[in-house]
Amino acid sequence: MPLQHYHIFAGRYDRGLMAPDANHFEIKLNTGGDFYRIAVNVRSTDGSMLLSYMDDNFQHEICNRILEAFPADGIYDVNITEKRKQVGLDFLRRNMVSDFNKMILLPNNAPGLDNDLEDKLRLVLDKSKADPQARIFAFGEKWESTTNKDKYFPEIKDQGLHDIHMNQGNPTGSFDKDNGVFQDGGLLIHFPSLNRWTVILLAFQTQFNTLNPTNLHTDDVTGHRIVGDDDGTTPIVDNDVVIIAALVNPKGEEQGKEKVILLNTTDADISLEGWKLVDRTNQAFSIKNSTIKACGVMEIIITAESNFNLGNKGGTITLLNKARLKMSGVQYTKEQAKAEGRLIKF
């Protein structure tokens, strides 16, 4: 069963502190009409470090849609399926982390400067507080307000947001009930004066495939982790074939001219029979009767009869193998798509 109260909180940073157990960094968020606590995991309850992905120049097609959907500070319920698909975070399906090798292990706090999650969070949050235009968008599971005072910020009510981390791929056990799609947690911070976004995405080590810790495959409906082949013993190998470029805005009539460029990174021919390209809205384009040569490049022309769409307002492109497992994924922004008749390189 997925999260039951998936929400987006938009507002401004007031102050923050490390919880006494040092497993969460607590944020007091001003949403314009009220204050809420955002509980950000910085360590697992078993004491292990979290995987983190941070980018202070995050360029993703979802950013514009967030601004359009949430123009004012406040609390937004995005729990229904269609809203989740429109604006919910999904590390895997939105290609938010193009390569999971870029998620690094960081301690919750450690001696020294700028070398742990507490330091990283304080740095960007303090930066947002110094900018009167900056806004924080927190994605996660809402807990309902009570009459009690908050245990960390007693000047406000006990109300807020938690599960600010990846919410899919949990192994069988006490947390697999939280698995789902388009419901990952995270922090996105917009700095309008700089025309820039910062993103902070976190995950537990247990959510990744132990056969290949840098790979992530989950079921498109349940969000449960897919381990390997049918017997669960063979690792799934990503990136044998990767997307390296796309023509999303051809000159003149676009139908039948859009294209995606693939690269075989191995020294063996690979059959693409049964493989598909999938766009942001989950429309698929079937790659038929094709074999990509060893270390070769292949141009896939998107034929006019396909519903697969490389929209000019930004989008995602995902390459699935015949078992519908993601082999490669990219995304592009509205700004990148403006250049008519030019390839976007990934």
C-alpha atoms as a PDB file:
ATOM      1  CA  MET A   1       0.000   0.000   0.000  1.00  0.00           C
ATOM      2  CA  PRO A   2       1.485   3.402  -0.938  1.00  0.00           C
ATOM      3  CA  LEU A   3       1.665   6.434   1.345  1.00  0.00           C
ATOM      4  CA  GLN A   4      -1.790   7.569   2.424  1.00  0.00           C
ATOM      5  CA  HIS A   5      -1.234  11.299   2.894  1.00  0.00           C
ATOM      6  CA  TYR A   6       1.279  12.366   0.233  1.00  0.00           C
ATOM      7  CA  HIS A   7       1.593  16.168   0.294  1.00  0.00           C
ATOM      8  CA  ILE A   8       3.716  19.063  -0.886  1.00  0.00           C
ATOM      9  CA  PHE A   9       4.475  21.851   1.591  1.00  0.00           C
ATOM     10  CA  ALA A  10       5.610  25.157   0.078  1.00  0.00           C
ATOM     11  CA  GLY A  11       7.087  27.889   2.226  1.00  0.00           C
ATOM     12  CA  ARG A  12      10.128  29.523   3.769  1.00  0.00           C
ATOM     13  CA  TYR A  13      12.745  28.258   6.168  1.00  0.00           C
ATOM     14  CA  ASP A  14      12.456  29.604   9.703  1.00  0.00           C
ATOM     15  CA  ARG A  15      15.011  27.576  11.673  1.00  0.00           C
ATOM     16  CA  GLY A  16      16.339  24.057  12.083  1.00  0.00           C
ATOM     17  CA  LEU A  17      17.949  21.683  14.571  1.00  0.00           C
ATOM     18  CA  MET A  18      19.291  18.163  14.839  1.00  0.00           C
ATOM     19  CA  ALA A  19      16.984  15.836  16.790  1.00  0.00           C
ATOM     20  CA  PRO A  20      18.502  14.372  19.994  1.00  0.00           C
ATOM     21  CA  ASP A  21      18.736  10.890  18.422  1.00  0.00           C
ATOM     22  CA  ALA A  22      20.582  12.469  15.458  1.00  0.00           C
ATOM     23  CA  ASN A  23      18.453  10.461  13.009  1.00  0.00           C
ATOM     24  CA  HIS A  24      16.491  13.470  11.737  1.00  0.00           C
ATOM     25  CA  PHE A  25      17.208  17.093  10.960  1.00  0.00           C
ATOM     26  CA  GLU A  26      14.111  19.064  11.947  1.00  0.00           C
ATOM     27  CA  ILE A  27      13.013  22.075   9.882  1.00  0.00           C
ATOM     28  CA  LYS A  28      10.503  24.691  10.992  1.00  0.00           C
ATOM     29  CA  LEU A  29       8.729  25.798   7.812  1.00  0.00           C
ATOM     30  CA  ASN A  30       6.619  28.930   7.427  1.00  0.00           C
ATOM     31  CA  THR A  31       3.881  28.163   4.879  1.00  0.00           C
ATOM     32  CA  GLY A  32       2.411  31.659   4.967  1.00  0.00           C
ATOM     33  CA  GLY A  33      -0.601  30.797   7.103  1.00  0.00           C
ATOM     34  CA  ASP A  34       0.940  28.422   9.648  1.00  0.00           C
ATOM     35  CA  PHE A  35       4.151  26.728  10.751  1.00  0.00           C
ATOM     36  CA  TYR A  36       4.963  23.048  10.273  1.00  0.00           C
ATOM     37  CA  ARG A  37       7.823  20.706  11.130  1.00  0.00           C
ATOM     38  CA  ILE A  38       9.625  18.924   8.277  1.00  0.00           C
ATOM     39  CA  ALA A  39      11.399  15.830   9.637  1.00  0.00           C
ATOM     40  CA  VAL A  40      14.272  14.967   7.284  1.00  0.00           C
ATOM     41  CA  ASN A  41      16.009  11.608   7.795  1.00  0.00           C
ATOM     42  CA  VAL A  42      19.767  11.978   8.007  1.00  0.00           C
ATOM     43  CA  ARG A  43      20.540   8.493   9.352  1.00  0.00           C
ATOM     44  CA  SER A  44      18.800   5.120   9.394  1.00  0.00           C
ATOM     45  CA  THR A  45      17.483   3.791  12.693  1.00  0.00           C
ATOM     46  CA  ASP A  46      20.019   0.953  12.365  1.00  0.00           C
ATOM     47  CA  GLY A  47      22.790   3.561  12.434  1.00  0.00           C
ATOM     48  CA  SER A  48      23.754   3.291   8.764  1.00  0.00           C
ATOM     49  CA  MET A  49      24.414   6.282   6.539  1.00  0.00           C
ATOM     50  CA  LEU A  50      21.968   7.507   3.905  1.00  0.00           C
ATOM     51  CA  LEU A  51      22.598   7.809   0.192  1.00  0.00           C
ATOM     52  CA  SER A  52      22.263  11.405  -0.952  1.00  0.00           C
ATOM     53  CA  TYR A  53      22.038  13.292  -4.220  1.00  0.00           C
ATOM     54  CA  MET A  54      22.449  17.068  -4.102  1.00  0.00           C
ATOM     55  CA  ASP A  55      22.631  19.541  -6.947  1.00  0.00           C
ATOM     56  CA  ASP A  56      22.675  23.317  -6.507  1.00  0.00           C
ATOM     57  CA  ASN A  57      21.972  23.860 -10.213  1.00  0.00           C
ATOM     58  CA  PHE A  58      19.192  21.320 -10.688  1.00  0.00           C
ATOM     59  CA  GLN A  59      17.650  21.541 -14.155  1.00  0.00           C
ATOM     60  CA  HIS A  60      14.641  19.299 -14.622  1.00  0.00           C
ATOM     61  CA  GLU A  61      11.385  19.494 -16.534  1.00  0.00           C
ATOM     62  CA  ILE A  62       9.359  19.123 -13.314  1.00  0.00           C
ATOM     63  CA  CYS A  63      10.575  22.467 -11.927  1.00  0.00           C
ATOM     64  CA  ASN A  64       8.383  24.600 -14.193  1.00  0.00           C
ATOM     65  CA  ARG A  65       5.383  22.393 -13.489  1.00  0.00           C
ATOM     66  CA  ILE A  66       5.911  22.800  -9.729  1.00  0.00           C
ATOM     67  CA  LEU A  67       5.868  26.592 -10.070  1.00  0.00           C
ATOM     68  CA  GLU A  68       2.732  26.482 -12.203  1.00  0.00           C
ATOM     69  CA  ALA A  69       0.906  24.086  -9.871  1.00  0.00           C
ATOM     70  CA  PHE A  70       1.934  25.754  -6.589  1.00  0.00           C
ATOM     71  CA  PRO A  71       2.228  29.516  -7.151  1.00  0.00           C
ATOM     72  CA  ALA A  72       1.594  30.375  -3.479  1.00  0.00           C
ATOM     73  CA  ASP A  73       2.971  29.060  -0.202  1.00  0.00           C
ATOM     74  CA  GLY A  74       0.749  26.552   1.558  1.00  0.00           C
ATOM     75  CA  ILE A  75      -0.159  22.889   2.009  1.00  0.00           C
ATOM     76  CA  TYR A  76      -1.067  20.880  -1.088  1.00  0.00           C
ATOM     77  CA  ASP A  77      -2.697  17.457  -1.075  1.00  0.00           C
ATOM     78  CA  VAL A  78      -1.426  15.497  -4.089  1.00  0.00           C
ATOM     79  CA  ASN A  79      -2.441  12.080  -2.834  1.00  0.00           C
ATOM     80  CA  ILE A  80      -4.684  11.018  -5.714  1.00  0.00           C
ATOM     81  CA  THR A  81      -3.058   9.075  -8.545  1.00  0.00           C
ATOM     82  CA  GLU A  82      -3.398  11.702 -11.271  1.00  0.00           C
ATOM     83  CA  LYS A  83      -1.921  14.463  -9.113  1.00  0.00           C
ATOM     84  CA  ARG A  84       0.966  12.213  -8.143  1.00  0.00           C
ATOM     85  CA  LYS A  85       1.675  11.475 -11.794  1.00  0.00           C
ATOM     86  CA  GLN A  86       1.585  15.195 -12.581  1.00  0.00           C
ATOM     87  CA  VAL A  87       3.824  16.572  -9.827  1.00  0.00           C
ATOM     88  CA  GLY A  88       4.851  13.745  -7.473  1.00  0.00           C
ATOM     89  CA  LEU A  89       8.535  12.933  -7.230  1.00  0.00           C
ATOM     90  CA  ASP A  90       9.859   9.639  -8.550  1.00  0.00           C
ATOM     91  CA  PHE A  91      13.629   9.198  -8.589  1.00  0.00           C
ATOM     92  CA  LEU A  92      13.352   6.399 -11.154  1.00  0.00           C
ATOM     93  CA  ARG A  93      10.457   7.251 -13.501  1.00  0.00           C
ATOM     94  CA  ARG A  94      11.211  10.975 -13.725  1.00  0.00           C
ATOM     95  CA  ASN A  95      14.914  10.249 -14.283  1.00  0.00           C
ATOM     96  CA  MET A  96      15.696  12.602 -11.408  1.00  0.00           C
ATOM     97  CA  VAL A  97      18.949  10.779 -10.742  1.00  0.00           C
ATOM     98  CA  SER A  98      20.364   9.858 -14.142  1.00  0.00           C
ATOM     99  CA  ASP A  99      23.048   7.640 -12.616  1.00  0.00           C
ATOM    100  CA  PHE A 100      22.623   6.207  -9.114  1.00  0.00           C
ATOM    101  CA  ASN A 101      26.399   6.147  -8.773  1.00  0.00           C
ATOM    102  CA  LYS A 102      25.936   9.885  -8.154  1.00  0.00           C
ATOM    103  CA  MET A 103      24.137   9.131  -4.880  1.00  0.00           C
ATOM    104  CA  ILE A 104      26.860   9.135  -2.246  1.00  0.00           C
ATOM    105  CA  LEU A 105      26.957   7.950   1.338  1.00  0.00           C
ATOM    106  CA  LEU A 106      27.169  10.758   3.871  1.00  0.00           C
ATOM    107  CA  PRO A 107      27.205  10.631   7.682  1.00  0.00           C
ATOM    108  CA  ASN A 108      24.514  12.501   9.609  1.00  0.00           C
ATOM    109  CA  ASN A 109      27.090  14.642  11.385  1.00  0.00           C
ATOM    110  CA  ALA A 110      30.858  14.418  11.612  1.00  0.00           C
ATOM    111  CA  PRO A 111      33.814  16.589  12.687  1.00  0.00           C
ATOM    112  CA  GLY A 112      34.797  19.143  10.077  1.00  0.00           C
ATOM    113  CA  LEU A 113      33.008  21.441   7.660  1.00  0.00           C
ATOM    114  CA  ASP A 114      30.655  20.620   4.784  1.00  0.00           C
ATOM    115  CA  ASN A 115      31.198  16.870   5.057  1.00  0.00           C
ATOM    116  CA  ASP A 116      27.894  15.543   6.419  1.00  0.00           C
ATOM    117  CA  LEU A 117      24.152  15.823   5.851  1.00  0.00           C
ATOM    118  CA  GLU A 118      23.619  18.298   8.670  1.00  0.00           C
ATOM    119  CA  ASP A 119      26.218  20.647   7.175  1.00  0.00           C
ATOM    120  CA  LYS A 120      24.765  20.297   3.673  1.00  0.00           C
ATOM    121  CA  LEU A 121      21.225  20.988   4.850  1.00  0.00           C
ATOM    122  CA  ARG A 122      22.148  23.963   7.019  1.00  0.00           C
ATOM    123  CA  LEU A 123      24.161  25.521   4.216  1.00  0.00           C
ATOM    124  CA  VAL A 124      21.368  25.505   1.633  1.00  0.00           C
ATOM    125  CA  LEU A 125      18.608  26.314   4.155  1.00  0.00           C
ATOM    126  CA  ASP A 126      20.523  29.310   5.516  1.00  0.00           C
ATOM    127  CA  LYS A 127      21.119  30.429   1.942  1.00  0.00           C
ATOM    128  CA  SER A 128      17.370  30.269   1.279  1.00  0.00           C
ATOM    129  CA  LYS A 129      16.607  32.272   4.423  1.00  0.00           C
ATOM    130  CA  ALA A 130      18.973  35.017   3.286  1.00  0.00           C
ATOM    131  CA  ASP A 131      17.087  35.320  -0.022  1.00  0.00           C
ATOM    132  CA  PRO A 132      13.650  36.938   0.450  1.00  0.00           C
ATOM    133  CA  GLN A 133      12.369  35.331  -2.763  1.00  0.00           C
ATOM    134  CA  ALA A 134      13.540  31.763  -2.125  1.00  0.00           C
ATOM    135  CA  ARG A 135      10.888  29.070  -1.593  1.00  0.00           C
ATOM    136  CA  ILE A 136      11.156  25.523  -0.289  1.00  0.00           C
ATOM    137  CA  PHE A 137       9.041  22.706  -1.727  1.00  0.00           C
ATOM    138  CA  ALA A 138       9.024  19.687   0.609  1.00  0.00           C
ATOM    139  CA  PHE A 139       7.569  16.380  -0.638  1.00  0.00           C
ATOM    140  CA  GLY A 140       6.513  13.633   1.779  1.00  0.00           C
ATOM    141  CA  GLU A 141       3.856  12.142   4.038  1.00  0.00           C
ATOM    142  CA  LYS A 142       1.761  14.541   6.115  1.00  0.00           C
ATOM    143  CA  TRP A 143       0.897  13.758   9.696  1.00  0.00           C
ATOM    144  CA  GLU A 144      -2.268  15.322  11.025  1.00  0.00           C
ATOM    145  CA  SER A 145      -2.093  18.191  13.491  1.00  0.00           C
ATOM    146  CA  THR A 146      -2.910  17.594  17.141  1.00  0.00           C
ATOM    147  CA  THR A 147      -3.597  19.865  20.083  1.00  0.00           C
ATOM    148  CA  ASN A 148      -0.150  19.062  21.448  1.00  0.00           C
ATOM    149  CA  LYS A 149       2.842  21.329  21.173  1.00  0.00           C
ATOM    150  CA  ASP A 150       5.556  20.174  18.809  1.00  0.00           C
ATOM    151  CA  LYS A 151       8.282  18.314  20.698  1.00  0.00           C
ATOM    152  CA  TYR A 152      11.104  20.166  18.941  1.00  0.00           C
ATOM    153  CA  PHE A 153       9.507  23.551  18.272  1.00  0.00           C
ATOM    154  CA  PRO A 154       7.107  24.022  21.222  1.00  0.00           C
ATOM    155  CA  GLU A 155       5.943  27.383  19.912  1.00  0.00           C
ATOM    156  CA  ILE A 156       4.015  25.574  17.139  1.00  0.00           C
ATOM    157  CA  LYS A 157       1.477  22.735  17.018  1.00  0.00           C
ATOM    158  CA  ASP A 158       2.443  19.117  16.461  1.00  0.00           C
ATOM    159  CA  GLN A 159       1.943  18.974  12.689  1.00  0.00           C
ATOM    160  CA  GLY A 160       4.178  18.422   9.733  1.00  0.00           C
ATOM    161  CA  LEU A 161       5.714  16.242   7.048  1.00  0.00           C
ATOM    162  CA  HIS A 162       7.976  13.189   7.187  1.00  0.00           C
ATOM    163  CA  ASP A 163       9.205  10.427   4.838  1.00  0.00           C
ATOM    164  CA  ILE A 164      11.386  13.014   3.075  1.00  0.00           C
ATOM    165  CA  HIS A 165      13.233  10.254   1.221  1.00  0.00           C
ATOM    166  CA  MET A 166      12.730   7.685  -1.516  1.00  0.00           C
ATOM    167  CA  ASN A 167       9.500   5.764  -0.869  1.00  0.00           C
ATOM    168  CA  GLN A 168       9.901   2.762  -3.170  1.00  0.00           C
ATOM    169  CA  GLY A 169      12.193  -0.242  -3.311  1.00  0.00           C
ATOM    170  CA  ASN A 170      11.905  -1.095   0.396  1.00  0.00           C
ATOM    171  CA  PRO A 171      12.650  -4.820   0.837  1.00  0.00           C
ATOM    172  CA  THR A 172      10.122  -7.196   2.341  1.00  0.00           C
ATOM    173  CA  GLY A 173       9.649  -6.217   5.964  1.00  0.00           C
ATOM    174  CA  SER A 174       8.298  -3.428   8.123  1.00  0.00           C
ATOM    175  CA  PHE A 175       8.648  -0.703   5.463  1.00  0.00           C
ATOM    176  CA  ASP A 176       7.528  -2.407   2.244  1.00  0.00           C
ATOM    177  CA  LYS A 177       3.980  -1.191   2.977  1.00  0.00           C
ATOM    178  CA  ASP A 178       5.188   2.327   2.116  1.00  0.00           C
ATOM    179  CA  ASN A 179       6.287   1.398  -1.406  1.00  0.00           C
ATOM    180  CA  GLY A 180       4.622   3.189  -4.285  1.00  0.00           C
ATOM    181  CA  VAL A 181       5.305   5.180  -7.443  1.00  0.00           C
ATOM    182  CA  PHE A 182       5.332   8.965  -7.928  1.00  0.00           C
ATOM    183  CA  GLN A 183       5.439   9.467  -4.153  1.00  0.00           C
ATOM    184  CA  ASP A 184       9.114   9.906  -3.296  1.00  0.00           C
ATOM    185  CA  GLY A 185      10.098  12.503  -0.726  1.00  0.00           C
ATOM    186  CA  GLY A 186      12.597  15.275  -1.251  1.00  0.00           C
ATOM    187  CA  LEU A 187      13.440  18.948  -0.917  1.00  0.00           C
ATOM    188  CA  LEU A 188      13.498  21.343  -3.884  1.00  0.00           C
ATOM    189  CA  ILE A 189      14.464  24.959  -3.253  1.00  0.00           C
ATOM    190  CA  HIS A 190      13.826  27.669  -5.820  1.00  0.00           C
ATOM    191  CA  PHE A 191      15.943  30.846  -5.986  1.00  0.00           C
ATOM    192  CA  PRO A 192      14.073  33.094  -8.480  1.00  0.00           C
ATOM    193  CA  SER A 193      16.667  35.864  -8.385  1.00  0.00           C
ATOM    194  CA  LEU A 194      19.286  33.376  -9.596  1.00  0.00           C
ATOM    195  CA  ASN A 195      16.881  31.419 -11.823  1.00  0.00           C
ATOM    196  CA  ARG A 196      18.232  28.355 -10.081  1.00  0.00           C
ATOM    197  CA  TRP A 197      17.026  25.313  -8.160  1.00  0.00           C
ATOM    198  CA  THR A 198      18.707  23.211  -5.479  1.00  0.00           C
ATOM    199  CA  VAL A 199      17.594  19.607  -4.927  1.00  0.00           C
ATOM    200  CA  ILE A 200      18.223  17.252  -2.006  1.00  0.00           C
ATOM    201  CA  LEU A 201      17.231  13.605  -2.541  1.00  0.00           C
ATOM    202  CA  LEU A 202      17.836  10.913   0.075  1.00  0.00           C
ATOM    203  CA  ALA A 203      17.509   7.106   0.172  1.00  0.00           C
ATOM    204  CA  PHE A 204      18.291   4.249   2.513  1.00  0.00           C
ATOM    205  CA  GLN A 205      20.908   1.691   1.545  1.00  0.00           C
ATOM    206  CA  THR A 206      18.364  -1.100   2.082  1.00  0.00           C
ATOM    207  CA  GLN A 207      16.228   0.274  -0.768  1.00  0.00           C
ATOM    208  CA  PHE A 208      18.817  -0.662  -3.384  1.00  0.00           C
ATOM    209  CA  ASN A 209      19.478  -4.025  -4.991  1.00  0.00           C
ATOM    210  CA  THR A 210      22.089  -5.894  -2.947  1.00  0.00           C
ATOM    211  CA  LEU A 211      23.215  -7.729  -6.113  1.00  0.00           C
ATOM    212  CA  ASN A 212      24.056  -4.393  -7.725  1.00  0.00           C
ATOM    213  CA  PRO A 213      23.756  -1.515  -5.235  1.00  0.00           C
ATOM    214  CA  THR A 214      23.876   1.248  -7.855  1.00  0.00           C
ATOM    215  CA  ASN A 215      20.897  -0.119  -9.808  1.00  0.00           C
ATOM    216  CA  LEU A 216      17.268   0.545  -8.959  1.00  0.00           C
ATOM    217  CA  HIS A 217      14.305  -1.242 -10.510  1.00  0.00           C
ATOM    218  CA  THR A 218      10.819  -1.209  -9.015  1.00  0.00           C
ATOM    219  CA  ASP A 219       7.402  -2.380 -10.127  1.00  0.00           C
ATOM    220  CA  ASP A 220       5.437   0.273 -12.049  1.00  0.00           C
ATOM    221  CA  VAL A 221       2.321  -0.318  -9.927  1.00  0.00           C
ATOM    222  CA  THR A 222       3.463  -1.359  -6.453  1.00  0.00           C
ATOM    223  CA  GLY A 223       6.872   0.271  -6.222  1.00  0.00           C
ATOM    224  CA  HIS A 224       8.278  -2.993  -4.827  1.00  0.00           C
ATOM    225  CA  ARG A 225      11.889  -3.698  -5.681  1.00  0.00           C
ATOM    226  CA  ILE A 226      12.714  -5.948  -8.639  1.00  0.00           C
ATOM    227  CA  VAL A 227      15.854  -7.858  -7.709  1.00  0.00           C
ATOM    228  CA  GLY A 228      17.034  -9.591 -10.867  1.00  0.00           C
ATOM    229  CA  ASP A 229      15.987 -12.264 -13.290  1.00  0.00           C
ATOM    230  CA  ASP A 230      13.168 -14.744 -12.628  1.00  0.00           C
ATOM    231  CA  ASP A 231      15.067 -16.625  -9.928  1.00  0.00           C
ATOM    232  CA  GLY A 232      16.254 -13.402  -8.282  1.00  0.00           C
ATOM    233  CA  THR A 233      19.938 -14.339  -8.446  1.00  0.00           C
ATOM    234  CA  THR A 234      21.216 -12.554 -11.552  1.00  0.00           C
ATOM    235  CA  PRO A 235      21.838  -8.812 -11.355  1.00  0.00           C
ATOM    236  CA  ILE A 236      20.082  -6.570 -13.843  1.00  0.00           C
ATOM    237  CA  VAL A 237      22.686  -4.728 -15.912  1.00  0.00           C
ATOM    238  CA  ASP A 238      21.834  -1.131 -16.785  1.00  0.00           C
ATOM    239  CA  ASN A 239      23.494   1.100 -19.348  1.00  0.00           C
ATOM    240  CA  ASP A 240      24.465  -1.536 -21.924  1.00  0.00           C
ATOM    241  CA  VAL A 241      22.439   0.691 -24.249  1.00  0.00           C
ATOM    242  CA  VAL A 242      22.066   4.350 -23.327  1.00  0.00           C
ATOM    243  CA  ILE A 243      20.259   7.405 -24.672  1.00  0.00           C
ATOM    244  CA  ILE A 244      22.851   9.964 -25.766  1.00  0.00           C
ATOM    245  CA  ALA A 245      20.806  12.582 -27.653  1.00  0.00           C
ATOM    246  CA  ALA A 246      17.348  13.468 -28.958  1.00  0.00           C
ATOM    247  CA  LEU A 247      15.835  15.797 -31.535  1.00  0.00           C
ATOM    248  CA  VAL A 248      12.696  17.022 -29.776  1.00  0.00           C
ATOM    249  CA  ASN A 249      12.057  20.210 -31.753  1.00  0.00           C
ATOM    250  CA  PRO A 250      12.758  19.608 -35.466  1.00  0.00           C
ATOM    251  CA  LYS A 251      12.286  22.420 -37.931  1.00  0.00           C
ATOM    252  CA  GLY A 252       8.896  22.692 -39.597  1.00  0.00           C
ATOM    253  CA  GLU A 253       6.385  19.884 -39.260  1.00  0.00           C
ATOM    254  CA  GLU A 254       7.456  17.773 -36.286  1.00  0.00           C
ATOM    255  CA  GLN A 255       5.502  14.568 -36.894  1.00  0.00           C
ATOM    256  CA  GLY A 256       7.765  11.812 -38.150  1.00  0.00           C
ATOM    257  CA  LYS A 257      10.923  13.900 -37.611  1.00  0.00           C
ATOM    258  CA  GLU A 258      11.542  13.556 -33.873  1.00  0.00           C
ATOM    259  CA  LYS A 259      14.325  11.120 -33.078  1.00  0.00           C
ATOM    260  CA  VAL A 260      16.222   9.505 -30.220  1.00  0.00           C
ATOM    261  CA  ILE A 261      19.883   8.463 -30.518  1.00  0.00           C
ATOM    262  CA  LEU A 262      21.074   5.301 -28.741  1.00  0.00           C
ATOM    263  CA  LEU A 263      24.621   4.060 -28.041  1.00  0.00           C
ATOM    264  CA  ASN A 264      25.661   0.438 -27.431  1.00  0.00           C
ATOM    265  CA  THR A 265      28.363   0.648 -24.753  1.00  0.00           C
ATOM    266  CA  THR A 266      29.421  -3.006 -25.148  1.00  0.00           C
ATOM    267  CA  ASP A 267      31.543  -4.876 -27.690  1.00  0.00           C
ATOM    268  CA  ALA A 268      28.674  -7.194 -28.618  1.00  0.00           C
ATOM    269  CA  ASP A 269      25.596  -6.755 -30.800  1.00  0.00           C
ATOM    270  CA  ILE A 270      22.382  -6.313 -28.765  1.00  0.00           C
ATOM    271  CA  SER A 271      18.896  -7.122 -30.019  1.00  0.00           C
ATOM    272  CA  LEU A 272      16.338  -4.424 -29.202  1.00  0.00           C
ATOM    273  CA  GLU A 273      13.374  -6.618 -30.134  1.00  0.00           C
ATOM    274  CA  GLY A 274      10.580  -5.878 -27.654  1.00  0.00           C
ATOM    275  CA  TRP A 275      12.315  -2.766 -26.272  1.00  0.00           C
ATOM    276  CA  LYS A 276      10.388   0.499 -25.899  1.00  0.00           C
ATOM    277  CA  LEU A 277      10.903   4.205 -25.450  1.00  0.00           C
ATOM    278  CA  VAL A 278       8.535   5.772 -22.904  1.00  0.00           C
ATOM    279  CA  ASP A 279       7.722   9.486 -22.511  1.00  0.00           C
ATOM    280  CA  ARG A 280       6.710  11.563 -19.470  1.00  0.00           C
ATOM    281  CA  THR A 281       3.062  10.529 -19.713  1.00  0.00           C
ATOM    282  CA  ASN A 282       3.964   6.825 -20.030  1.00  0.00           C
ATOM    283  CA  GLN A 283       3.186   6.663 -23.756  1.00  0.00           C
ATOM    284  CA  ALA A 284       5.380   4.042 -25.403  1.00  0.00           C
ATOM    285  CA  PHE A 285       7.098   3.718 -28.756  1.00  0.00           C
ATOM    286  CA  SER A 286       8.044   0.154 -29.732  1.00  0.00           C
ATOM    287  CA  ILE A 287      11.468  -0.439 -31.272  1.00  0.00           C
ATOM    288  CA  LYS A 288      10.878  -3.162 -33.858  1.00  0.00           C
ATOM    289  CA  ASN A 289      13.210  -5.675 -35.491  1.00  0.00           C
ATOM    290  CA  SER A 290      16.348  -3.785 -34.551  1.00  0.00           C
ATOM    291  CA  THR A 291      19.820  -4.838 -33.469  1.00  0.00           C
ATOM    292  CA  ILE A 292      22.310  -2.236 -32.339  1.00  0.00           C
ATOM    293  CA  LYS A 293      25.823  -3.135 -33.387  1.00  0.00           C
ATOM    294  CA  ALA A 294      28.724  -3.518 -30.972  1.00  0.00           C
ATOM    295  CA  CYS A 295      29.890  -0.069 -29.816  1.00  0.00           C
ATOM    296  CA  GLY A 296      27.455   1.316 -32.368  1.00  0.00           C
ATOM    297  CA  VAL A 297      25.001   4.183 -32.555  1.00  0.00           C
ATOM    298  CA  MET A 298      21.365   3.847 -33.636  1.00  0.00           C
ATOM    299  CA  GLU A 299      18.924   6.566 -34.675  1.00  0.00           C
ATOM    300  CA  ILE A 300      15.317   5.860 -33.698  1.00  0.00           C
ATOM    301  CA  ILE A 301      12.799   7.858 -35.759  1.00  0.00           C
ATOM    302  CA  ILE A 302       9.525   8.481 -33.924  1.00  0.00           C
ATOM    303  CA  THR A 303       6.912   7.692 -36.544  1.00  0.00           C
ATOM    304  CA  ALA A 304       3.827   9.848 -36.911  1.00  0.00           C
ATOM    305  CA  GLU A 305       1.318   7.165 -35.864  1.00  0.00           C
ATOM    306  CA  SER A 306       2.874   6.862 -32.385  1.00  0.00           C
ATOM    307  CA  ASN A 307       1.372   8.538 -29.289  1.00  0.00           C
ATOM    308  CA  PHE A 308       4.894   8.867 -27.881  1.00  0.00           C
ATOM    309  CA  ASN A 309       5.554  12.587 -27.572  1.00  0.00           C
ATOM    310  CA  LEU A 310       8.738  14.596 -27.170  1.00  0.00           C
ATOM    311  CA  GLY A 311       7.006  17.770 -26.005  1.00  0.00           C
ATOM    312  CA  ASN A 312       8.692  21.131 -26.390  1.00  0.00           C
ATOM    313  CA  LYS A 313       7.837  22.139 -22.805  1.00  0.00           C
ATOM    314  CA  GLY A 314      10.227  19.591 -21.302  1.00  0.00           C
ATOM    315  CA  GLY A 315       9.944  15.871 -20.797  1.00  0.00           C
ATOM    316  CA  THR A 316      11.545  12.536 -20.002  1.00  0.00           C
ATOM    317  CA  ILE A 317      12.741   9.691 -22.229  1.00  0.00           C
ATOM    318  CA  THR A 318      13.149   6.225 -20.758  1.00  0.00           C
ATOM    319  CA  LEU A 319      14.469   3.123 -22.498  1.00  0.00           C
ATOM    320  CA  LEU A 320      12.864  -0.152 -21.337  1.00  0.00           C
ATOM    321  CA  ASN A 321      14.017  -3.636 -22.263  1.00  0.00           C
ATOM    322  CA  LYS A 322      11.624  -6.433 -23.248  1.00  0.00           C
ATOM    323  CA  ALA A 323      10.973  -7.167 -19.552  1.00  0.00           C
ATOM    324  CA  ARG A 324       9.951  -3.485 -19.086  1.00  0.00           C
ATOM    325  CA  LEU A 325      12.990  -2.780 -16.939  1.00  0.00           C
ATOM    326  CA  LYS A 326      14.620   0.624 -17.268  1.00  0.00           C
ATOM    327  CA  MET A 327      17.970   0.455 -19.040  1.00  0.00           C
ATOM    328  CA  SER A 328      18.538   4.189 -19.497  1.00  0.00           C
ATOM    329  CA  GLY A 329      16.691   7.397 -18.746  1.00  0.00           C
ATOM    330  CA  VAL A 330      17.133  11.102 -19.438  1.00  0.00           C
ATOM    331  CA  GLN A 331      15.142  14.295 -19.093  1.00  0.00           C
ATOM    332  CA  TYR A 332      15.209  17.694 -20.757  1.00  0.00           C
ATOM    333  CA  THR A 333      13.816  21.106 -19.890  1.00  0.00           C
ATOM    334  CA  LYS A 334      11.672  23.625 -21.752  1.00  0.00           C
ATOM    335  CA  GLU A 335      14.738  25.819 -22.136  1.00  0.00           C
ATOM    336  CA  GLN A 336      16.732  23.019 -23.770  1.00  0.00           C
ATOM    337  CA  ALA A 337      13.885  22.327 -26.214  1.00  0.00           C
ATOM    338  CA  LYS A 338      13.761  25.897 -27.489  1.00  0.00           C
ATOM    339  CA  ALA A 339      16.581  25.379 -29.990  1.00  0.00           C
ATOM    340  CA  GLU A 340      14.780  24.346 -33.167  1.00  0.00           C
ATOM    341  CA  GLY A 341      16.443  21.716 -35.325  1.00  0.00           C
ATOM    342  CA  ARG A 342      19.235  20.877 -32.877  1.00  0.00           C
ATOM    343  CA  LEU A 343      19.961  17.717 -30.921  1.00  0.00           C
ATOM    344  CA  ILE A 344      19.836  17.823 -27.137  1.00  0.00           C
ATOM    345  CA  LYS A 345      22.876  15.941 -25.858  1.00  0.00           C
ATOM    346  CA  PHE A 346      22.658  13.915 -22.642  1.00  0.00           C
END
